[in-house]
Amino acid sequence: MRSILQRCKAPAMKGKQVCKFHGGLSTGPRTEIGRQRCAEAKTVHGRETRRGRIEQSIAMHRLRAIEELGHALGIFNGSKTPGRKPQKN
């Protein structure tokens, strides 16, 4: 959008949604480091990053293991935490 609140009149590049002046020439990150940096910066849902979700999954897996050990040793009474088991990362 320009300062006069109208869209750019330049044609979109072939296979793209935008013109060459507004991102059509962009190829994205090329190097492995650039791709990794881009992936780390992306958020998929809400305020959670991929890294944060992995860390949370690891922590939940550890808690699940502690809970199972506590039930096996008779330290914990009652039912186990409901829900699906966390993934092993």
PDB file of N, CA and C in Angstrom:
ATOM      1  N   MET A   1       0.848  -1.176   0.000  1.00  0.00           N
ATOM      2  CA  MET A   1       0.000   0.000   0.000  1.00  0.00           C
ATOM      3  C   MET A   1       0.894   1.240   0.000  1.00  0.00           C
ATOM      4  N   ARG A   2       0.502   2.188  -0.734  1.00  0.00           N
ATOM      5  CA  ARG A   2       1.264   3.429  -0.815  1.00  0.00           C
ATOM      6  C   ARG A   2       0.659   4.462   0.131  1.00  0.00           C
ATOM      7  N   SER A   3       1.289   5.612   0.157  1.00  0.00           N
ATOM      8  CA  SER A   3       0.820   6.645   1.079  1.00  0.00           C
ATOM      9  C   SER A   3      -0.561   7.170   0.700  1.00  0.00           C
ATOM     10  N   ILE A   4      -0.987   6.923  -0.543  1.00  0.00           N
ATOM     11  CA  ILE A   4      -2.324   7.371  -0.949  1.00  0.00           C
ATOM     12  C   ILE A   4      -3.361   6.262  -0.768  1.00  0.00           C
ATOM     13  N   LEU A   5      -2.971   5.213  -0.053  1.00  0.00           N
ATOM     14  CA  LEU A   5      -3.854   4.103   0.310  1.00  0.00           C
ATOM     15  C   LEU A   5      -4.403   3.343  -0.894  1.00  0.00           C
ATOM     16  N   GLN A   6      -3.609   3.237  -1.948  1.00  0.00           N
ATOM     17  CA  GLN A   6      -3.982   2.417  -3.091  1.00  0.00           C
ATOM     18  C   GLN A   6      -2.899   1.377  -3.314  1.00  0.00           C
ATOM     19  N   ARG A   7      -3.292   0.247  -3.848  1.00  0.00           N
ATOM     20  CA  ARG A   7      -2.338  -0.818  -4.112  1.00  0.00           C
ATOM     21  C   ARG A   7      -1.411  -0.428  -5.257  1.00  0.00           C
ATOM     22  N   CYS A   8      -0.250  -1.033  -5.289  1.00  0.00           N
ATOM     23  CA  CYS A   8       0.708  -0.821  -6.370  1.00  0.00           C
ATOM     24  C   CYS A   8       0.095  -1.326  -7.674  1.00  0.00           C
ATOM     25  N   LYS A   9       0.279  -0.585  -8.740  1.00  0.00           N
ATOM     26  CA  LYS A   9      -0.309  -0.944 -10.034  1.00  0.00           C
ATOM     27  C   LYS A   9       0.616  -1.826 -10.872  1.00  0.00           C
ATOM     28  N   ALA A  10       1.823  -2.092 -10.378  1.00  0.00           N
ATOM     29  CA  ALA A  10       2.761  -2.925 -11.129  1.00  0.00           C
ATOM     30  C   ALA A  10       2.246  -4.363 -11.174  1.00  0.00           C
ATOM     31  N   PRO A  11       2.451  -5.064 -12.295  1.00  0.00           N
ATOM     32  CA  PRO A  11       1.962  -6.439 -12.392  1.00  0.00           C
ATOM     33  C   PRO A  11       2.766  -7.383 -11.503  1.00  0.00           C
ATOM     34  N   ALA A  12       2.101  -8.409 -11.030  1.00  0.00           N
ATOM     35  CA  ALA A  12       2.772  -9.408 -10.208  1.00  0.00           C
ATOM     36  C   ALA A  12       3.738 -10.203 -11.071  1.00  0.00           C
ATOM     37  N   MET A  13       4.813 -10.663 -10.467  1.00  0.00           N
ATOM     38  CA  MET A  13       5.784 -11.468 -11.196  1.00  0.00           C
ATOM     39  C   MET A  13       5.195 -12.846 -11.471  1.00  0.00           C
ATOM     40  N   LYS A  14       5.708 -13.508 -12.484  1.00  0.00           N
ATOM     41  CA  LYS A  14       5.210 -14.826 -12.864  1.00  0.00           C
ATOM     42  C   LYS A  14       5.387 -15.803 -11.697  1.00  0.00           C
ATOM     43  N   GLY A  15       4.308 -16.443 -11.316  1.00  0.00           N
ATOM     44  CA  GLY A  15       4.342 -17.401 -10.219  1.00  0.00           C
ATOM     45  C   GLY A  15       4.336 -16.778  -8.839  1.00  0.00           C
ATOM     46  N   LYS A  16       4.172 -15.474  -8.759  1.00  0.00           N
ATOM     47  CA  LYS A  16       4.178 -14.774  -7.470  1.00  0.00           C
ATOM     48  C   LYS A  16       2.869 -14.011  -7.296  1.00  0.00           C
ATOM     49  N   GLN A  17       2.645 -13.534  -6.092  1.00  0.00           N
ATOM     50  CA  GLN A  17       1.451 -12.752  -5.788  1.00  0.00           C
ATOM     51  C   GLN A  17       1.722 -11.252  -5.819  1.00  0.00           C
ATOM     52  N   VAL A  18       3.016 -10.877  -5.831  1.00  0.00           N
ATOM     53  CA  VAL A  18       3.382  -9.467  -5.721  1.00  0.00           C
ATOM     54  C   VAL A  18       4.372  -9.068  -6.811  1.00  0.00           C
ATOM     55  N   CYS A  19       4.539  -7.752  -7.000  1.00  0.00           N
ATOM     56  CA  CYS A  19       5.464  -7.241  -8.016  1.00  0.00           C
ATOM     57  C   CYS A  19       6.903  -7.331  -7.506  1.00  0.00           C
ATOM     58  N   LYS A  20       7.857  -7.052  -8.408  1.00  0.00           N
ATOM     59  CA  LYS A  20       9.268  -7.165  -8.043  1.00  0.00           C
ATOM     60  C   LYS A  20       9.697  -6.110  -7.028  1.00  0.00           C
ATOM     61  N   PHE A  21       8.958  -5.020  -6.946  1.00  0.00           N
ATOM     62  CA  PHE A  21       9.308  -3.960  -6.002  1.00  0.00           C
ATOM     63  C   PHE A  21       8.813  -4.254  -4.585  1.00  0.00           C
ATOM     64  N   HIS A  22       7.843  -5.131  -4.460  1.00  0.00           N
ATOM     65  CA  HIS A  22       7.239  -5.397  -3.154  1.00  0.00           C
ATOM     66  C   HIS A  22       7.396  -6.847  -2.714  1.00  0.00           C
ATOM     67  N   GLY A  23       8.513  -7.453  -3.073  1.00  0.00           N
ATOM     68  CA  GLY A  23       8.816  -8.785  -2.562  1.00  0.00           C
ATOM     69  C   GLY A  23       8.832  -9.888  -3.587  1.00  0.00           C
ATOM     70  N   GLY A  24       8.537  -9.603  -4.842  1.00  0.00           N
ATOM     71  CA  GLY A  24       8.514 -10.642  -5.863  1.00  0.00           C
ATOM     72  C   GLY A  24       9.874 -11.226  -6.183  1.00  0.00           C
ATOM     73  N   LEU A  25      10.944 -10.468  -5.964  1.00  0.00           N
ATOM     74  CA  LEU A  25      12.294 -10.953  -6.231  1.00  0.00           C
ATOM     75  C   LEU A  25      12.876 -11.724  -5.050  1.00  0.00           C
ATOM     76  N   SER A  26      12.188 -11.730  -3.934  1.00  0.00           N
ATOM     77  CA  SER A  26      12.696 -12.399  -2.746  1.00  0.00           C
ATOM     78  C   SER A  26      12.744 -13.901  -2.960  1.00  0.00           C
ATOM     79  N   THR A  27      13.859 -14.507  -2.593  1.00  0.00           N
ATOM     80  CA  THR A  27      14.017 -15.959  -2.715  1.00  0.00           C
ATOM     81  C   THR A  27      14.026 -16.637  -1.355  1.00  0.00           C
ATOM     82  N   GLY A  28      13.964 -15.854  -0.299  1.00  0.00           N
ATOM     83  CA  GLY A  28      14.014 -16.423   1.038  1.00  0.00           C
ATOM     84  C   GLY A  28      15.445 -16.746   1.426  1.00  0.00           C
ATOM     85  N   PRO A  29      15.647 -17.327   2.598  1.00  0.00           N
ATOM     86  CA  PRO A  29      17.000 -17.645   3.043  1.00  0.00           C
ATOM     87  C   PRO A  29      17.601 -18.762   2.189  1.00  0.00           C
ATOM     88  N   ARG A  30      18.854 -18.602   1.806  1.00  0.00           N
ATOM     89  CA  ARG A  30      19.536 -19.576   0.954  1.00  0.00           C
ATOM     90  C   ARG A  30      20.488 -20.479   1.739  1.00  0.00           C
ATOM     91  N   THR A  31      21.202 -19.905   2.702  1.00  0.00           N
ATOM     92  CA  THR A  31      22.185 -20.687   3.441  1.00  0.00           C
ATOM     93  C   THR A  31      21.507 -21.500   4.533  1.00  0.00           C
ATOM     94  N   GLU A  32      22.196 -22.517   4.996  1.00  0.00           N
ATOM     95  CA  GLU A  32      21.656 -23.365   6.066  1.00  0.00           C
ATOM     96  C   GLU A  32      21.459 -22.555   7.343  1.00  0.00           C
ATOM     97  N   ILE A  33      22.395 -21.659   7.629  1.00  0.00           N
ATOM     98  CA  ILE A  33      22.280 -20.814   8.826  1.00  0.00           C
ATOM     99  C   ILE A  33      21.073 -19.893   8.697  1.00  0.00           C
ATOM    100  N   GLY A  34      20.879 -19.318   7.505  1.00  0.00           N
ATOM    101  CA  GLY A  34      19.738 -18.440   7.279  1.00  0.00           C
ATOM    102  C   GLY A  34      18.420 -19.175   7.411  1.00  0.00           C
ATOM    103  N   ARG A  35      18.361 -20.389   6.889  1.00  0.00           N
ATOM    104  CA  ARG A  35      17.136 -21.189   7.002  1.00  0.00           C
ATOM    105  C   ARG A  35      16.845 -21.550   8.443  1.00  0.00           C
ATOM    106  N   GLN A  36      17.901 -21.886   9.176  1.00  0.00           N
ATOM    107  CA  GLN A  36      17.720 -22.233  10.584  1.00  0.00           C
ATOM    108  C   GLN A  36      17.246 -21.015  11.379  1.00  0.00           C
ATOM    109  N   ARG A  37      17.836 -19.861  11.113  1.00  0.00           N
ATOM    110  CA  ARG A  37      17.434 -18.638  11.801  1.00  0.00           C
ATOM    111  C   ARG A  37      15.978 -18.294  11.495  1.00  0.00           C
ATOM    112  N   CYS A  38      15.582 -18.489  10.250  1.00  0.00           N
ATOM    113  CA  CYS A  38      14.204 -18.210   9.845  1.00  0.00           C
ATOM    114  C   CYS A  38      13.239 -19.169  10.549  1.00  0.00           C
ATOM    115  N   ALA A  39      13.599 -20.454  10.613  1.00  0.00           N
ATOM    116  CA  ALA A  39      12.742 -21.443  11.262  1.00  0.00           C
ATOM    117  C   ALA A  39      12.595 -21.164  12.753  1.00  0.00           C
ATOM    118  N   GLU A  40      13.682 -20.720  13.389  1.00  0.00           N
ATOM    119  CA  GLU A  40      13.620 -20.415  14.820  1.00  0.00           C
ATOM    120  C   GLU A  40      12.754 -19.192  15.091  1.00  0.00           C
ATOM    121  N   ALA A  41      12.736 -18.264  14.156  1.00  0.00           N
ATOM    122  CA  ALA A  41      11.985 -17.027  14.356  1.00  0.00           C
ATOM    123  C   ALA A  41      10.489 -17.210  14.128  1.00  0.00           C
ATOM    124  N   LYS A  42      10.123 -18.216  13.374  1.00  0.00           N
ATOM    125  CA  LYS A  42       8.714 -18.398  13.029  1.00  0.00           C
ATOM    126  C   LYS A  42       7.909 -18.844  14.244  1.00  0.00           C
ATOM    127  N   THR A  43       6.706 -18.321  14.341  1.00  0.00           N
ATOM    128  CA  THR A  43       5.766 -18.807  15.333  1.00  0.00           C
ATOM    129  C   THR A  43       4.643 -19.490  14.589  1.00  0.00           C
ATOM    130  N   VAL A  44       4.177 -20.586  15.126  1.00  0.00           N
ATOM    131  CA  VAL A  44       3.159 -21.355  14.438  1.00  0.00           C
ATOM    132  C   VAL A  44       1.789 -21.086  15.034  1.00  0.00           C
ATOM    133  N   HIS A  45       1.730 -20.962  16.342  1.00  0.00           N
ATOM    134  CA  HIS A  45       0.433 -20.794  16.984  1.00  0.00           C
ATOM    135  C   HIS A  45       0.580 -19.825  18.150  1.00  0.00           C
ATOM    136  N   GLY A  46      -0.113 -18.736  18.083  1.00  0.00           N
ATOM    137  CA  GLY A  46      -0.108 -17.788  19.193  1.00  0.00           C
ATOM    138  C   GLY A  46       1.268 -17.227  19.463  1.00  0.00           C
ATOM    139  N   ARG A  47       1.700 -17.270  20.703  1.00  0.00           N
ATOM    140  CA  ARG A  47       2.995 -16.716  21.079  1.00  0.00           C
ATOM    141  C   ARG A  47       4.042 -17.797  21.270  1.00  0.00           C
ATOM    142  N   GLU A  48       3.747 -19.010  20.892  1.00  0.00           N
ATOM    143  CA  GLU A  48       4.676 -20.117  21.086  1.00  0.00           C
ATOM    144  C   GLU A  48       5.605 -20.253  19.889  1.00  0.00           C
ATOM    145  N   THR A  49       6.892 -20.393  20.165  1.00  0.00           N
ATOM    146  CA  THR A  49       7.840 -20.680  19.103  1.00  0.00           C
ATOM    147  C   THR A  49       8.051 -22.185  19.042  1.00  0.00           C
ATOM    148  N   ARG A  50       8.628 -22.640  17.967  1.00  0.00           N
ATOM    149  CA  ARG A  50       8.906 -24.076  17.819  1.00  0.00           C
ATOM    150  C   ARG A  50       9.822 -24.547  18.937  1.00  0.00           C
ATOM    151  N   ARG A  51      10.835 -23.734  19.236  1.00  0.00           N
ATOM    152  CA  ARG A  51      11.776 -24.089  20.290  1.00  0.00           C
ATOM    153  C   ARG A  51      11.071 -24.185  21.644  1.00  0.00           C
ATOM    154  N   GLY A  52      10.185 -23.235  21.923  1.00  0.00           N
ATOM    155  CA  GLY A  52       9.443 -23.253  23.182  1.00  0.00           C
ATOM    156  C   GLY A  52       8.558 -24.476  23.319  1.00  0.00           C
ATOM    157  N   ARG A  53       7.916 -24.880  22.221  1.00  0.00           N
ATOM    158  CA  ARG A  53       7.067 -26.071  22.259  1.00  0.00           C
ATOM    159  C   ARG A  53       7.892 -27.328  22.498  1.00  0.00           C
ATOM    160  N   ILE A  54       9.092 -27.393  21.901  1.00  0.00           N
ATOM    161  CA  ILE A  54       9.962 -28.556  22.115  1.00  0.00           C
ATOM    162  C   ILE A  54      10.404 -28.616  23.570  1.00  0.00           C
ATOM    163  N   GLU A  55      10.805 -27.466  24.123  1.00  0.00           N
ATOM    164  CA  GLU A  55      11.223 -27.430  25.529  1.00  0.00           C
ATOM    165  C   GLU A  55      10.077 -27.830  26.454  1.00  0.00           C
ATOM    166  N   GLN A  56       8.871 -27.363  26.156  1.00  0.00           N
ATOM    167  CA  GLN A  56       7.717 -27.719  26.973  1.00  0.00           C
ATOM    168  C   GLN A  56       7.415 -29.210  26.860  1.00  0.00           C
ATOM    169  N   SER A  57       7.550 -29.767  25.668  1.00  0.00           N
ATOM    170  CA  SER A  57       7.299 -31.183  25.465  1.00  0.00           C
ATOM    171  C   SER A  57       8.294 -32.032  26.257  1.00  0.00           C
ATOM    172  N   ILE A  58       9.563 -31.609  26.258  1.00  0.00           N
ATOM    173  CA  ILE A  58      10.584 -32.334  27.022  1.00  0.00           C
ATOM    174  C   ILE A  58      10.268 -32.277  28.511  1.00  0.00           C
ATOM    175  N   ALA A  59       9.879 -31.103  29.000  1.00  0.00           N
ATOM    176  CA  ALA A  59       9.546 -30.954  30.417  1.00  0.00           C
ATOM    177  C   ALA A  59       8.334 -31.809  30.789  1.00  0.00           C
ATOM    178  N   MET A  60       7.321 -31.849  29.925  1.00  0.00           N
ATOM    179  CA  MET A  60       6.133 -32.663  30.209  1.00  0.00           C
ATOM    180  C   MET A  60       6.472 -34.150  30.199  1.00  0.00           C
ATOM    181  N   HIS A  61       7.391 -34.545  29.324  1.00  0.00           N
ATOM    182  CA  HIS A  61       7.817 -35.948  29.283  1.00  0.00           C
ATOM    183  C   HIS A  61       8.513 -36.326  30.592  1.00  0.00           C
ATOM    184  N   ARG A  62       9.350 -35.422  31.101  1.00  0.00           N
ATOM    185  CA  ARG A  62      10.033 -35.680  32.378  1.00  0.00           C
ATOM    186  C   ARG A  62       9.030 -35.776  33.528  1.00  0.00           C
ATOM    187  N   LEU A  63       8.053 -34.870  33.549  1.00  0.00           N
ATOM    188  CA  LEU A  63       7.034 -34.924  34.599  1.00  0.00           C
ATOM    189  C   LEU A  63       6.237 -36.224  34.535  1.00  0.00           C
ATOM    190  N   ARG A  64       5.923 -36.660  33.320  1.00  0.00           N
ATOM    191  CA  ARG A  64       5.173 -37.911  33.149  1.00  0.00           C
ATOM    192  C   ARG A  64       5.985 -39.088  33.692  1.00  0.00           C
ATOM    193  N   ALA A  65       7.303 -39.099  33.419  1.00  0.00           N
ATOM    194  CA  ALA A  65       8.162 -40.177  33.912  1.00  0.00           C
ATOM    195  C   ALA A  65       8.224 -40.163  35.442  1.00  0.00           C
ATOM    196  N   ILE A  66       8.318 -38.975  36.040  1.00  0.00           N
ATOM    197  CA  ILE A  66       8.341 -38.864  37.503  1.00  0.00           C
ATOM    198  C   ILE A  66       7.022 -39.355  38.087  1.00  0.00           C
ATOM    199  N   GLU A  67       5.923 -39.000  37.447  1.00  0.00           N
ATOM    200  CA  GLU A  67       4.613 -39.429  37.926  1.00  0.00           C
ATOM    201  C   GLU A  67       4.476 -40.953  37.854  1.00  0.00           C
ATOM    202  N   GLU A  68       4.914 -41.552  36.757  1.00  0.00           N
ATOM    203  CA  GLU A  68       4.837 -43.011  36.629  1.00  0.00           C
ATOM    204  C   GLU A  68       5.696 -43.698  37.680  1.00  0.00           C
ATOM    205  N   LEU A  69       6.889 -43.152  37.939  1.00  0.00           N
ATOM    206  CA  LEU A  69       7.764 -43.714  38.962  1.00  0.00           C
ATOM    207  C   LEU A  69       7.124 -43.589  40.346  1.00  0.00           C
ATOM    208  N   GLY A  70       6.523 -42.443  40.623  1.00  0.00           N
ATOM    209  CA  GLY A  70       5.857 -42.242  41.912  1.00  0.00           C
ATOM    210  C   GLY A  70       4.704 -43.206  42.125  1.00  0.00           C
ATOM    211  N   HIS A  71       3.925 -43.473  41.076  1.00  0.00           N
ATOM    212  CA  HIS A  71       2.830 -44.438  41.190  1.00  0.00           C
ATOM    213  C   HIS A  71       3.368 -45.851  41.359  1.00  0.00           C
ATOM    214  N   ALA A  72       4.456 -46.188  40.659  1.00  0.00           N
ATOM    215  CA  ALA A  72       5.038 -47.531  40.759  1.00  0.00           C
ATOM    216  C   ALA A  72       5.596 -47.790  42.156  1.00  0.00           C
ATOM    217  N   LEU A  73       6.160 -46.770  42.792  1.00  0.00           N
ATOM    218  CA  LEU A  73       6.728 -46.927  44.129  1.00  0.00           C
ATOM    219  C   LEU A  73       5.698 -46.737  45.238  1.00  0.00           C
ATOM    220  N   GLY A  74       4.481 -46.348  44.876  1.00  0.00           N
ATOM    221  CA  GLY A  74       3.434 -46.153  45.862  1.00  0.00           C
ATOM    222  C   GLY A  74       3.502 -44.811  46.571  1.00  0.00           C
ATOM    223  N   ILE A  75       4.276 -43.881  46.045  1.00  0.00           N
ATOM    224  CA  ILE A  75       4.394 -42.558  46.659  1.00  0.00           C
ATOM    225  C   ILE A  75       3.159 -41.714  46.355  1.00  0.00           C
ATOM    226  N   PHE A  76       2.661 -41.805  45.127  1.00  0.00           N
ATOM    227  CA  PHE A  76       1.491 -41.040  44.712  1.00  0.00           C
ATOM    228  C   PHE A  76       0.247 -41.894  44.842  1.00  0.00           C
ATOM    229  N   ASN A  77      -0.817 -41.291  45.332  1.00  0.00           N
ATOM    230  CA  ASN A  77      -2.105 -41.971  45.423  1.00  0.00           C
ATOM    231  C   ASN A  77      -3.073 -41.325  44.447  1.00  0.00           C
ATOM    232  N   GLY A  78      -4.118 -42.029  44.098  1.00  0.00           N
ATOM    233  CA  GLY A  78      -5.125 -41.463  43.212  1.00  0.00           C
ATOM    234  C   GLY A  78      -4.848 -41.788  41.756  1.00  0.00           C
ATOM    235  N   SER A  79      -5.581 -41.097  40.911  1.00  0.00           N
ATOM    236  CA  SER A  79      -5.476 -41.382  39.478  1.00  0.00           C
ATOM    237  C   SER A  79      -4.304 -40.622  38.862  1.00  0.00           C
ATOM    238  N   LYS A  80      -3.912 -41.098  37.693  1.00  0.00           N
ATOM    239  CA  LYS A  80      -2.835 -40.441  36.960  1.00  0.00           C
ATOM    240  C   LYS A  80      -3.386 -39.225  36.226  1.00  0.00           C
ATOM    241  N   THR A  81      -2.490 -38.375  35.762  1.00  0.00           N
ATOM    242  CA  THR A  81      -2.885 -37.186  35.012  1.00  0.00           C
ATOM    243  C   THR A  81      -3.566 -37.604  33.719  1.00  0.00           C
ATOM    244  N   PRO A  82      -4.761 -37.073  33.431  1.00  0.00           N
ATOM    245  CA  PRO A  82      -5.457 -37.461  32.208  1.00  0.00           C
ATOM    246  C   PRO A  82      -4.800 -36.855  30.969  1.00  0.00           C
ATOM    247  N   GLY A  83      -5.132 -37.412  29.824  1.00  0.00           N
ATOM    248  CA  GLY A  83      -4.636 -36.874  28.560  1.00  0.00           C
ATOM    249  C   GLY A  83      -3.641 -37.799  27.904  1.00  0.00           C
ATOM    250  N   ARG A  84      -3.286 -37.436  26.687  1.00  0.00           N
ATOM    251  CA  ARG A  84      -2.345 -38.269  25.952  1.00  0.00           C
ATOM    252  C   ARG A  84      -0.941 -38.097  26.497  1.00  0.00           C
ATOM    253  N   LYS A  85      -0.115 -39.080  26.244  1.00  0.00           N
ATOM    254  CA  LYS A  85       1.257 -39.036  26.722  1.00  0.00           C
ATOM    255  C   LYS A  85       2.063 -38.056  25.879  1.00  0.00           C
ATOM    256  N   PRO A  86       2.990 -37.317  26.502  1.00  0.00           N
ATOM    257  CA  PRO A  86       3.826 -36.394  25.724  1.00  0.00           C
ATOM    258  C   PRO A  86       4.806 -37.156  24.847  1.00  0.00           C
ATOM    259  N   GLN A  87       5.219 -36.521  23.746  1.00  0.00           N
ATOM    260  CA  GLN A  87       6.158 -37.146  22.821  1.00  0.00           C
ATOM    261  C   GLN A  87       7.550 -37.168  23.419  1.00  0.00           C
ATOM    262  N   LYS A  88       8.320 -38.182  23.024  1.00  0.00           N
ATOM    263  CA  LYS A  88       9.722 -38.246  23.423  1.00  0.00           C
ATOM    264  C   LYS A  88      10.524 -37.464  22.404  1.00  0.00           C
ATOM    265  N   ASN A  89      11.285 -36.484  22.862  1.00  0.00           N
ATOM    266  CA  ASN A  89      12.103 -35.673  21.938  1.00  0.00           C
ATOM    267  C   ASN A  89      13.552 -35.926  22.163  1.00  0.00           C
TER     268      ASN A  89
END
